[in-house]
Amino acid sequence: PVAKIAAAWFCTLEGHLRTADVRVFLACHEAVARRCTLPAGKDPKFTHKEMLGLCGGTERRLKASLRRLEAVGLLAFSESAISFAKNRAELSIDLGEFQPFLEQFPNYKRLLPVPRRILRLLAGGARASLIATVLGHLIWGLYGTGQGSFKASGRLKASWVAETFGVDLRRVREARKELAELGWLVLEESKQ
């Protein structure tokens, strides 16, 4: 859900999480997605080794990130399951301060279809400005049609990403250029 992505970033802005923790949060989503086609009766098994393969770093730092994510209520990690917060009440953040932040996100009650390749790219060590730029573009420009396909177009100002996610505007523009060079974004002329 868009609201949970916003909550993870809000916790980063508030100093409860680090950018590395957001990468671990995204890696946990990839780990869960990998198991969505497990045969009936086969139990999932999540390991620190797998998580390190997705997000790098050391086991000590991974464990610290997981502790911080669990402390704010975004997820619970065990060898048999990774579970994510189901509603805002499970989060241990000031909801009064979070709500105005959340309202900056369009249609924040929806699920955000994040391509798994992008999850792996972001989890694998992307800098904060690249993560923010990708998430901003996904939030503003990727919608499921309800028929198994997606609408992937929209407009997004770099200044919205910079202001909302608290990253440098110049870095957002560099990230957009990098994403266009990768072929992930197609930049079009606009009157603005």
N, C-alpha and C. Protein backbone atom coordinates (compact mmCIF):
# COMPACT_ATOMS: atom_id res chain seq x y z
N PRO A 1 0.82 -1.21 0.00
CA PRO A 1 0.00 0.00 0.00
C PRO A 1 0.86 1.27 0.00
N VAL A 2 0.40 2.27 -0.72
CA VAL A 2 1.10 3.55 -0.77
C VAL A 2 1.31 4.09 0.64
N ALA A 3 0.30 3.94 1.50
CA ALA A 3 0.40 4.47 2.86
C ALA A 3 1.56 3.85 3.63
N LYS A 4 1.87 2.58 3.39
CA LYS A 4 2.98 1.93 4.12
C LYS A 4 4.33 2.40 3.59
N ILE A 5 4.39 2.65 2.29
CA ILE A 5 5.62 3.22 1.73
C ILE A 5 5.83 4.62 2.31
N ALA A 6 4.74 5.38 2.37
CA ALA A 6 4.83 6.72 2.95
C ALA A 6 5.24 6.64 4.43
N ALA A 7 4.71 5.67 5.15
CA ALA A 7 5.06 5.51 6.57
C ALA A 7 6.54 5.19 6.73
N ALA A 8 7.06 4.33 5.87
CA ALA A 8 8.49 4.00 5.95
C ALA A 8 9.33 5.25 5.72
N TRP A 9 8.95 6.03 4.74
CA TRP A 9 9.73 7.23 4.45
C TRP A 9 9.56 8.28 5.55
N PHE A 10 8.35 8.41 6.09
CA PHE A 10 8.10 9.34 7.19
C PHE A 10 9.00 8.99 8.37
N CYS A 11 9.10 7.71 8.68
CA CYS A 11 9.97 7.27 9.78
C CYS A 11 11.42 7.63 9.51
N THR A 12 11.81 7.62 8.24
CA THR A 12 13.16 8.02 7.88
C THR A 12 13.36 9.51 8.11
N LEU A 13 12.39 10.30 7.68
CA LEU A 13 12.47 11.75 7.88
C LEU A 13 12.48 12.11 9.37
N GLU A 14 11.76 11.34 10.17
CA GLU A 14 11.68 11.60 11.60
C GLU A 14 12.89 11.06 12.37
N GLY A 15 13.77 10.31 11.69
CA GLY A 15 14.97 9.80 12.32
C GLY A 15 14.81 8.45 12.99
N HIS A 16 13.65 7.80 12.83
CA HIS A 16 13.45 6.47 13.41
C HIS A 16 14.08 5.37 12.55
N LEU A 17 14.19 5.64 11.25
CA LEU A 17 14.78 4.69 10.30
C LEU A 17 15.87 5.37 9.51
N ARG A 18 16.68 4.58 8.85
CA ARG A 18 17.72 5.06 7.95
C ARG A 18 17.37 4.63 6.54
N THR A 19 18.04 5.20 5.56
CA THR A 19 17.81 4.79 4.17
C THR A 19 18.08 3.30 4.00
N ALA A 20 19.09 2.78 4.66
CA ALA A 20 19.39 1.34 4.59
C ALA A 20 18.21 0.52 5.10
N ASP A 21 17.48 1.03 6.09
CA ASP A 21 16.32 0.32 6.62
C ASP A 21 15.20 0.27 5.59
N VAL A 22 15.04 1.35 4.83
CA VAL A 22 14.03 1.37 3.76
C VAL A 22 14.40 0.33 2.70
N ARG A 23 15.69 0.22 2.41
CA ARG A 23 16.12 -0.81 1.45
C ARG A 23 15.81 -2.21 1.97
N VAL A 24 16.00 -2.44 3.26
CA VAL A 24 15.67 -3.74 3.86
C VAL A 24 14.16 -3.96 3.80
N PHE A 25 13.37 -2.94 4.07
CA PHE A 25 11.90 -3.00 3.98
C PHE A 25 11.49 -3.45 2.57
N LEU A 26 12.10 -2.85 1.55
CA LEU A 26 11.79 -3.22 0.17
C LEU A 26 12.28 -4.64 -0.14
N ALA A 27 13.43 -5.01 0.39
CA ALA A 27 13.95 -6.36 0.19
C ALA A 27 13.01 -7.40 0.82
N CYS A 28 12.41 -7.06 1.95
CA CYS A 28 11.45 -7.97 2.58
C CYS A 28 10.24 -8.19 1.68
N HIS A 29 9.81 -7.13 1.00
CA HIS A 29 8.69 -7.29 0.05
C HIS A 29 9.08 -8.22 -1.09
N GLU A 30 10.31 -8.09 -1.57
CA GLU A 30 10.78 -8.98 -2.64
C GLU A 30 10.86 -10.42 -2.14
N ALA A 31 11.34 -10.61 -0.92
CA ALA A 31 11.45 -11.97 -0.36
C ALA A 31 10.07 -12.62 -0.25
N VAL A 32 9.08 -11.85 0.17
CA VAL A 32 7.71 -12.38 0.27
C VAL A 32 7.16 -12.68 -1.12
N ALA A 33 7.42 -11.80 -2.07
CA ALA A 33 6.93 -12.01 -3.44
C ALA A 33 7.52 -13.28 -4.06
N ARG A 34 8.74 -13.59 -3.71
CA ARG A 34 9.38 -14.80 -4.23
C ARG A 34 8.64 -16.07 -3.80
N ARG A 35 7.92 -15.97 -2.72
CA ARG A 35 7.25 -17.16 -2.18
C ARG A 35 5.76 -17.21 -2.50
N CYS A 36 5.30 -16.31 -3.34
CA CYS A 36 3.86 -16.27 -3.62
C CYS A 36 3.38 -17.48 -4.44
N THR A 37 4.30 -18.21 -5.02
CA THR A 37 3.90 -19.38 -5.81
C THR A 37 4.38 -20.70 -5.19
N LEU A 38 4.63 -20.69 -3.90
CA LEU A 38 5.03 -21.93 -3.23
C LEU A 38 3.91 -22.97 -3.33
N PRO A 39 4.26 -24.21 -3.54
CA PRO A 39 3.24 -25.25 -3.59
C PRO A 39 2.52 -25.37 -2.23
N ALA A 40 1.29 -25.81 -2.28
CA ALA A 40 0.51 -26.00 -1.05
C ALA A 40 1.25 -26.97 -0.13
N GLY A 41 1.27 -26.63 1.15
CA GLY A 41 1.91 -27.48 2.14
C GLY A 41 3.40 -27.21 2.34
N LYS A 42 4.00 -26.42 1.47
CA LYS A 42 5.42 -26.09 1.62
C LYS A 42 5.53 -24.78 2.39
N ASP A 43 6.22 -24.81 3.50
CA ASP A 43 6.36 -23.63 4.33
C ASP A 43 7.52 -22.76 3.85
N PRO A 44 7.32 -21.43 3.87
CA PRO A 44 8.42 -20.54 3.46
C PRO A 44 9.52 -20.53 4.52
N LYS A 45 10.71 -20.20 4.07
CA LYS A 45 11.84 -20.04 5.00
C LYS A 45 12.60 -18.79 4.56
N PHE A 46 12.71 -17.85 5.48
CA PHE A 46 13.40 -16.60 5.21
C PHE A 46 14.71 -16.59 5.98
N THR A 47 15.79 -16.23 5.32
CA THR A 47 17.09 -16.24 5.98
C THR A 47 17.77 -14.89 5.85
N HIS A 48 18.67 -14.65 6.78
CA HIS A 48 19.46 -13.43 6.70
C HIS A 48 20.36 -13.46 5.46
N LYS A 49 20.82 -14.65 5.09
CA LYS A 49 21.67 -14.78 3.91
C LYS A 49 20.94 -14.29 2.66
N GLU A 50 19.68 -14.68 2.52
CA GLU A 50 18.89 -14.22 1.37
C GLU A 50 18.73 -12.71 1.41
N MET A 51 18.43 -12.17 2.58
CA MET A 51 18.23 -10.73 2.71
C MET A 51 19.52 -9.99 2.37
N LEU A 52 20.65 -10.51 2.82
CA LEU A 52 21.94 -9.88 2.50
C LEU A 52 22.22 -9.94 1.00
N GLY A 53 21.77 -11.00 0.36
CA GLY A 53 21.91 -11.10 -1.09
C GLY A 53 21.10 -10.05 -1.82
N LEU A 54 19.99 -9.64 -1.22
CA LEU A 54 19.13 -8.62 -1.84
C LEU A 54 19.61 -7.20 -1.55
N CYS A 55 20.06 -6.96 -0.31
CA CYS A 55 20.37 -5.58 0.06
C CYS A 55 21.82 -5.34 0.45
N GLY A 56 22.64 -6.37 0.48
CA GLY A 56 24.04 -6.18 0.80
C GLY A 56 24.27 -5.84 2.26
N GLY A 57 25.48 -5.43 2.55
CA GLY A 57 25.82 -5.06 3.91
C GLY A 57 26.31 -6.24 4.72
N THR A 58 26.25 -6.07 6.04
CA THR A 58 26.69 -7.13 6.94
C THR A 58 25.49 -7.64 7.72
N GLU A 59 25.65 -8.82 8.30
CA GLU A 59 24.55 -9.39 9.07
C GLU A 59 24.22 -8.51 10.28
N ARG A 60 25.24 -7.94 10.88
CA ARG A 60 25.02 -7.06 12.04
C ARG A 60 24.14 -5.86 11.65
N ARG A 61 24.44 -5.25 10.51
CA ARG A 61 23.64 -4.10 10.05
C ARG A 61 22.23 -4.52 9.64
N LEU A 62 22.13 -5.68 9.01
CA LEU A 62 20.81 -6.20 8.64
C LEU A 62 19.95 -6.40 9.88
N LYS A 63 20.51 -7.03 10.90
CA LYS A 63 19.75 -7.26 12.13
C LYS A 63 19.34 -5.94 12.77
N ALA A 64 20.22 -4.94 12.73
CA ALA A 64 19.89 -3.63 13.29
C ALA A 64 18.74 -2.99 12.50
N SER A 65 18.78 -3.11 11.18
CA SER A 65 17.69 -2.57 10.34
C SER A 65 16.37 -3.27 10.65
N LEU A 66 16.41 -4.58 10.75
CA LEU A 66 15.18 -5.33 11.06
C LEU A 66 14.64 -4.93 12.43
N ARG A 67 15.53 -4.72 13.41
CA ARG A 67 15.08 -4.27 14.74
C ARG A 67 14.39 -2.91 14.66
N ARG A 68 14.97 -1.98 13.89
CA ARG A 68 14.36 -0.65 13.76
C ARG A 68 13.01 -0.73 13.04
N LEU A 69 12.93 -1.55 11.99
CA LEU A 69 11.66 -1.72 11.26
C LEU A 69 10.60 -2.33 12.17
N GLU A 70 10.99 -3.29 12.99
CA GLU A 70 10.05 -3.90 13.93
C GLU A 70 9.66 -2.91 15.02
N ALA A 71 10.60 -2.07 15.47
CA ALA A 71 10.31 -1.11 16.53
C ALA A 71 9.26 -0.08 16.11
N VAL A 72 9.27 0.32 14.83
CA VAL A 72 8.26 1.28 14.37
C VAL A 72 6.98 0.57 13.91
N GLY A 73 6.99 -0.76 13.90
CA GLY A 73 5.79 -1.53 13.59
C GLY A 73 5.55 -1.79 12.11
N LEU A 74 6.52 -1.53 11.26
CA LEU A 74 6.31 -1.74 9.83
C LEU A 74 6.31 -3.21 9.44
N LEU A 75 7.09 -4.02 10.15
CA LEU A 75 7.12 -5.44 9.81
C LEU A 75 7.59 -6.26 10.99
N ALA A 76 7.38 -7.55 10.87
CA ALA A 76 7.92 -8.53 11.81
C ALA A 76 8.62 -9.59 10.96
N PHE A 77 9.86 -9.89 11.30
CA PHE A 77 10.67 -10.83 10.53
C PHE A 77 10.98 -12.06 11.37
N SER A 78 10.74 -13.23 10.80
CA SER A 78 11.18 -14.47 11.42
C SER A 78 11.56 -15.42 10.30
N GLU A 79 12.13 -16.54 10.66
CA GLU A 79 12.53 -17.51 9.65
C GLU A 79 11.32 -18.08 8.90
N SER A 80 10.17 -18.13 9.55
CA SER A 80 9.00 -18.73 8.93
C SER A 80 8.05 -17.73 8.28
N ALA A 81 8.22 -16.44 8.57
CA ALA A 81 7.29 -15.46 8.00
C ALA A 81 7.85 -14.04 8.09
N ILE A 82 7.46 -13.24 7.11
CA ILE A 82 7.65 -11.80 7.18
C ILE A 82 6.24 -11.22 7.09
N SER A 83 5.84 -10.51 8.11
CA SER A 83 4.51 -9.91 8.09
C SER A 83 4.64 -8.40 8.17
N PHE A 84 3.77 -7.72 7.45
CA PHE A 84 3.78 -6.27 7.38
C PHE A 84 2.59 -5.71 8.15
N ALA A 85 2.74 -4.47 8.61
CA ALA A 85 1.65 -3.81 9.33
C ALA A 85 0.40 -3.81 8.45
N LYS A 86 -0.73 -4.12 9.05
CA LYS A 86 -1.98 -4.17 8.29
C LYS A 86 -2.73 -2.85 8.31
N ASN A 87 -2.48 -2.04 9.34
CA ASN A 87 -3.13 -0.73 9.41
C ASN A 87 -2.24 0.24 10.18
N ARG A 88 -2.61 1.50 10.13
CA ARG A 88 -1.79 2.54 10.77
C ARG A 88 -1.74 2.40 12.28
N ALA A 89 -2.74 1.80 12.88
CA ALA A 89 -2.76 1.64 14.33
C ALA A 89 -1.61 0.76 14.82
N GLU A 90 -1.08 -0.11 13.96
CA GLU A 90 0.03 -0.99 14.34
C GLU A 90 1.37 -0.26 14.36
N LEU A 91 1.41 0.93 13.78
CA LEU A 91 2.66 1.68 13.71
C LEU A 91 2.88 2.45 15.00
N SER A 92 4.10 2.50 15.44
CA SER A 92 4.41 3.25 16.66
C SER A 92 4.99 4.61 16.28
N ILE A 93 4.21 5.36 15.50
CA ILE A 93 4.59 6.72 15.11
C ILE A 93 3.46 7.66 15.49
N ASP A 94 3.76 8.94 15.53
CA ASP A 94 2.76 9.95 15.84
C ASP A 94 1.84 10.11 14.62
N LEU A 95 0.65 9.53 14.70
CA LEU A 95 -0.27 9.55 13.56
C LEU A 95 -0.75 10.97 13.26
N GLY A 96 -0.76 11.83 14.26
CA GLY A 96 -1.15 13.23 14.04
C GLY A 96 -0.17 13.95 13.13
N GLU A 97 1.11 13.63 13.27
CA GLU A 97 2.12 14.22 12.40
C GLU A 97 2.20 13.48 11.07
N PHE A 98 1.90 12.21 11.08
CA PHE A 98 1.99 11.41 9.85
C PHE A 98 0.88 11.76 8.86
N GLN A 99 -0.32 12.02 9.33
CA GLN A 99 -1.45 12.26 8.43
C GLN A 99 -1.21 13.39 7.43
N PRO A 100 -0.72 14.57 7.86
CA PRO A 100 -0.45 15.62 6.87
C PRO A 100 0.60 15.20 5.84
N PHE A 101 1.60 14.43 6.27
CA PHE A 101 2.60 13.91 5.34
C PHE A 101 1.94 12.97 4.34
N LEU A 102 1.11 12.07 4.83
CA LEU A 102 0.44 11.09 3.98
C LEU A 102 -0.46 11.76 2.95
N GLU A 103 -1.10 12.84 3.32
CA GLU A 103 -2.03 13.51 2.40
C GLU A 103 -1.34 14.15 1.21
N GLN A 104 -0.02 14.23 1.23
CA GLN A 104 0.72 14.73 0.07
C GLN A 104 0.75 13.70 -1.06
N PHE A 105 0.43 12.43 -0.72
CA PHE A 105 0.49 11.35 -1.69
C PHE A 105 -0.88 11.16 -2.33
N PRO A 106 -0.94 11.18 -3.67
CA PRO A 106 -2.23 11.01 -4.33
C PRO A 106 -2.76 9.59 -4.14
N ASN A 107 -4.05 9.50 -3.88
CA ASN A 107 -4.71 8.20 -3.83
C ASN A 107 -3.94 7.22 -2.94
N TYR A 108 -3.62 7.64 -1.72
CA TYR A 108 -2.75 6.86 -0.85
C TYR A 108 -3.38 5.60 -0.27
N LYS A 109 -4.66 5.37 -0.52
CA LYS A 109 -5.30 4.16 0.01
C LYS A 109 -5.14 2.96 -0.93
N ARG A 110 -4.57 3.18 -2.09
CA ARG A 110 -4.48 2.11 -3.07
C ARG A 110 -3.21 1.27 -2.88
N LEU A 111 -3.22 0.12 -3.52
CA LEU A 111 -2.03 -0.71 -3.59
C LEU A 111 -1.17 -0.20 -4.73
N LEU A 112 0.11 -0.22 -4.53
CA LEU A 112 1.04 0.26 -5.55
C LEU A 112 1.72 -0.95 -6.20
N PRO A 113 1.50 -1.14 -7.50
CA PRO A 113 2.18 -2.25 -8.18
C PRO A 113 3.64 -1.87 -8.43
N VAL A 114 4.55 -2.49 -7.70
CA VAL A 114 5.98 -2.21 -7.85
C VAL A 114 6.61 -3.38 -8.57
N PRO A 115 7.16 -3.15 -9.76
CA PRO A 115 7.81 -4.25 -10.47
C PRO A 115 8.95 -4.84 -9.62
N ARG A 116 9.06 -6.14 -9.62
CA ARG A 116 10.04 -6.81 -8.77
C ARG A 116 11.47 -6.44 -9.14
N ARG A 117 11.74 -6.20 -10.40
CA ARG A 117 13.09 -5.76 -10.78
C ARG A 117 13.43 -4.44 -10.11
N ILE A 118 12.42 -3.58 -10.00
CA ILE A 118 12.63 -2.29 -9.35
C ILE A 118 12.85 -2.48 -7.86
N LEU A 119 12.09 -3.40 -7.25
CA LEU A 119 12.31 -3.70 -5.83
C LEU A 119 13.76 -4.11 -5.61
N ARG A 120 14.26 -4.99 -6.48
CA ARG A 120 15.63 -5.47 -6.33
C ARG A 120 16.65 -4.35 -6.56
N LEU A 121 16.38 -3.48 -7.52
CA LEU A 121 17.27 -2.35 -7.78
C LEU A 121 17.34 -1.44 -6.56
N LEU A 122 16.19 -1.10 -6.00
CA LEU A 122 16.15 -0.20 -4.86
C LEU A 122 16.75 -0.85 -3.61
N ALA A 123 16.42 -2.11 -3.38
CA ALA A 123 16.93 -2.81 -2.20
C ALA A 123 18.43 -3.02 -2.28
N GLY A 124 18.95 -3.11 -3.48
CA GLY A 124 20.35 -3.47 -3.68
C GLY A 124 21.36 -2.36 -3.45
N GLY A 125 20.97 -1.29 -2.80
CA GLY A 125 21.95 -0.25 -2.47
C GLY A 125 21.69 1.09 -3.11
N ALA A 126 20.50 1.31 -3.63
CA ALA A 126 20.19 2.60 -4.24
C ALA A 126 20.27 3.72 -3.20
N ARG A 127 20.73 4.86 -3.65
CA ARG A 127 20.80 6.03 -2.76
C ARG A 127 19.40 6.59 -2.52
N ALA A 128 19.27 7.40 -1.49
CA ALA A 128 17.97 7.93 -1.08
C ALA A 128 17.27 8.68 -2.20
N SER A 129 18.01 9.49 -2.96
CA SER A 129 17.37 10.28 -4.02
C SER A 129 16.83 9.38 -5.14
N LEU A 130 17.51 8.28 -5.44
CA LEU A 130 17.02 7.36 -6.47
C LEU A 130 15.78 6.62 -5.96
N ILE A 131 15.82 6.18 -4.71
CA ILE A 131 14.65 5.50 -4.14
C ILE A 131 13.45 6.45 -4.17
N ALA A 132 13.65 7.68 -3.72
CA ALA A 132 12.56 8.66 -3.68
C ALA A 132 12.02 8.95 -5.08
N THR A 133 12.91 9.08 -6.04
CA THR A 133 12.50 9.38 -7.42
C THR A 133 11.69 8.23 -8.01
N VAL A 134 12.16 7.01 -7.82
CA VAL A 134 11.43 5.84 -8.33
C VAL A 134 10.07 5.73 -7.65
N LEU A 135 10.04 5.83 -6.32
CA LEU A 135 8.76 5.72 -5.62
C LEU A 135 7.81 6.83 -6.03
N GLY A 136 8.30 8.04 -6.17
CA GLY A 136 7.46 9.15 -6.62
C GLY A 136 6.85 8.88 -7.98
N HIS A 137 7.65 8.40 -8.91
CA HIS A 137 7.14 8.10 -10.26
C HIS A 137 6.15 6.94 -10.24
N LEU A 138 6.41 5.94 -9.42
CA LEU A 138 5.45 4.84 -9.32
C LEU A 138 4.13 5.33 -8.73
N ILE A 139 4.20 6.13 -7.69
CA ILE A 139 3.00 6.62 -7.02
C ILE A 139 2.18 7.50 -7.95
N TRP A 140 2.83 8.35 -8.71
CA TRP A 140 2.11 9.27 -9.59
C TRP A 140 1.77 8.67 -10.95
N GLY A 141 2.45 7.60 -11.35
CA GLY A 141 2.25 7.18 -12.74
C GLY A 141 1.99 5.72 -13.01
N LEU A 142 1.83 4.88 -11.97
CA LEU A 142 1.59 3.46 -12.24
C LEU A 142 0.34 3.01 -11.51
N TYR A 143 -0.65 2.59 -12.29
CA TYR A 143 -1.94 2.16 -11.73
C TYR A 143 -2.34 0.84 -12.36
N GLY A 144 -2.84 -0.06 -11.54
CA GLY A 144 -3.42 -1.30 -12.05
C GLY A 144 -4.79 -0.99 -12.65
N THR A 145 -5.13 -1.64 -13.74
CA THR A 145 -6.41 -1.40 -14.39
C THR A 145 -7.51 -2.31 -13.86
N GLY A 146 -7.14 -3.28 -13.02
CA GLY A 146 -8.12 -4.22 -12.51
C GLY A 146 -8.35 -5.38 -13.44
N GLN A 147 -7.70 -5.39 -14.59
CA GLN A 147 -7.86 -6.46 -15.57
C GLN A 147 -6.52 -7.16 -15.83
N GLY A 148 -5.62 -7.08 -14.85
CA GLY A 148 -4.33 -7.72 -14.99
C GLY A 148 -3.30 -6.92 -15.74
N SER A 149 -3.64 -5.70 -16.13
CA SER A 149 -2.67 -4.86 -16.83
C SER A 149 -2.51 -3.55 -16.06
N PHE A 150 -1.62 -2.70 -16.57
CA PHE A 150 -1.29 -1.48 -15.85
C PHE A 150 -1.30 -0.28 -16.79
N LYS A 151 -1.62 0.85 -16.21
CA LYS A 151 -1.49 2.14 -16.90
C LYS A 151 -0.22 2.76 -16.36
N ALA A 152 0.73 3.03 -17.23
CA ALA A 152 2.03 3.54 -16.79
C ALA A 152 2.34 4.88 -17.45
N SER A 153 1.64 5.90 -17.02
CA SER A 153 1.96 7.25 -17.50
C SER A 153 1.47 8.24 -16.46
N GLY A 154 2.10 9.36 -16.46
CA GLY A 154 1.72 10.40 -15.52
C GLY A 154 2.74 11.51 -15.53
N ARG A 155 2.42 12.56 -14.81
CA ARG A 155 3.32 13.70 -14.72
C ARG A 155 3.74 13.88 -13.27
N LEU A 156 4.98 14.23 -13.13
CA LEU A 156 5.51 14.40 -11.78
C LEU A 156 6.60 15.46 -11.82
N LYS A 157 6.47 16.42 -10.94
CA LYS A 157 7.50 17.44 -10.82
C LYS A 157 8.62 16.94 -9.91
N ALA A 158 9.82 17.19 -10.34
CA ALA A 158 10.98 16.82 -9.53
C ALA A 158 10.91 17.53 -8.17
N SER A 159 10.36 18.73 -8.16
CA SER A 159 10.27 19.49 -6.91
C SER A 159 9.34 18.79 -5.91
N TRP A 160 8.29 18.09 -6.39
CA TRP A 160 7.41 17.36 -5.47
C TRP A 160 8.19 16.24 -4.79
N VAL A 161 8.98 15.52 -5.56
CA VAL A 161 9.80 14.43 -4.99
C VAL A 161 10.75 15.00 -3.95
N ALA A 162 11.45 16.08 -4.32
CA ALA A 162 12.44 16.67 -3.41
C ALA A 162 11.78 17.15 -2.12
N GLU A 163 10.68 17.86 -2.23
CA GLU A 163 10.01 18.41 -1.05
C GLU A 163 9.37 17.31 -0.21
N THR A 164 8.68 16.39 -0.83
CA THR A 164 7.95 15.36 -0.09
C THR A 164 8.90 14.37 0.58
N PHE A 165 9.91 13.93 -0.14
CA PHE A 165 10.82 12.92 0.38
C PHE A 165 12.04 13.52 1.10
N GLY A 166 12.15 14.84 1.06
CA GLY A 166 13.24 15.50 1.78
C GLY A 166 14.61 15.21 1.19
N VAL A 167 14.69 15.15 -0.14
CA VAL A 167 15.96 14.92 -0.81
C VAL A 167 16.29 16.13 -1.68
N ASP A 168 17.53 16.22 -2.11
CA ASP A 168 18.00 17.36 -2.89
C ASP A 168 17.41 17.35 -4.30
N LEU A 169 16.90 18.50 -4.73
CA LEU A 169 16.27 18.62 -6.04
C LEU A 169 17.23 18.25 -7.17
N ARG A 170 18.47 18.69 -7.06
CA ARG A 170 19.45 18.37 -8.09
C ARG A 170 19.67 16.86 -8.19
N ARG A 171 19.68 16.18 -7.05
CA ARG A 171 19.85 14.72 -7.03
C ARG A 171 18.65 14.01 -7.65
N VAL A 172 17.46 14.57 -7.47
CA VAL A 172 16.25 14.00 -8.09
C VAL A 172 16.36 14.12 -9.61
N ARG A 173 16.80 15.27 -10.07
CA ARG A 173 16.96 15.45 -11.53
C ARG A 173 18.01 14.50 -12.08
N GLU A 174 19.09 14.29 -11.34
CA GLU A 174 20.12 13.33 -11.77
C GLU A 174 19.54 11.91 -11.80
N ALA A 175 18.73 11.58 -10.80
CA ALA A 175 18.11 10.25 -10.76
C ALA A 175 17.16 10.06 -11.93
N ARG A 176 16.39 11.09 -12.26
CA ARG A 176 15.48 10.97 -13.41
C ARG A 176 16.26 10.76 -14.70
N LYS A 177 17.35 11.49 -14.83
CA LYS A 177 18.18 11.33 -16.03
C LYS A 177 18.74 9.90 -16.09
N GLU A 178 19.20 9.40 -14.96
CA GLU A 178 19.73 8.04 -14.89
C GLU A 178 18.65 7.01 -15.25
N LEU A 179 17.43 7.20 -14.75
CA LEU A 179 16.33 6.29 -15.04
C LEU A 179 15.93 6.35 -16.52
N ALA A 180 16.02 7.53 -17.10
CA ALA A 180 15.73 7.66 -18.54
C ALA A 180 16.80 6.95 -19.36
N GLU A 181 18.07 7.06 -18.95
CA GLU A 181 19.15 6.37 -19.67
C GLU A 181 19.00 4.86 -19.57
N LEU A 182 18.45 4.38 -18.46
CA LEU A 182 18.20 2.94 -18.30
C LEU A 182 16.99 2.48 -19.11
N GLY A 183 16.20 3.43 -19.61
CA GLY A 183 14.99 3.10 -20.35
C GLY A 183 13.79 2.86 -19.45
N TRP A 184 13.95 3.13 -18.15
CA TRP A 184 12.86 2.92 -17.21
C TRP A 184 11.84 4.05 -17.27
N LEU A 185 12.31 5.26 -17.56
CA LEU A 185 11.43 6.42 -17.72
C LEU A 185 11.57 6.93 -19.14
N VAL A 186 10.47 7.41 -19.68
CA VAL A 186 10.49 8.12 -20.95
C VAL A 186 10.07 9.54 -20.64
N LEU A 187 10.98 10.46 -20.78
CA LEU A 187 10.69 11.85 -20.46
C LEU A 187 10.04 12.52 -21.67
N GLU A 188 8.95 13.23 -21.43
CA GLU A 188 8.24 13.91 -22.51
C GLU A 188 8.21 15.39 -22.23
N GLU A 189 8.11 16.18 -23.27
CA GLU A 189 8.04 17.63 -23.13
C GLU A 189 6.74 18.00 -22.40
N SER A 190 6.83 19.05 -21.61
CA SER A 190 5.66 19.54 -20.87
C SER A 190 5.73 21.06 -20.87
N LYS A 191 4.56 21.67 -20.74
CA LYS A 191 4.51 23.13 -20.70
C LYS A 191 5.10 23.68 -19.42
N GLN A 192 5.20 22.86 -18.40
CA GLN A 192 5.73 23.34 -17.12
C GLN A 192 7.21 23.12 -17.06
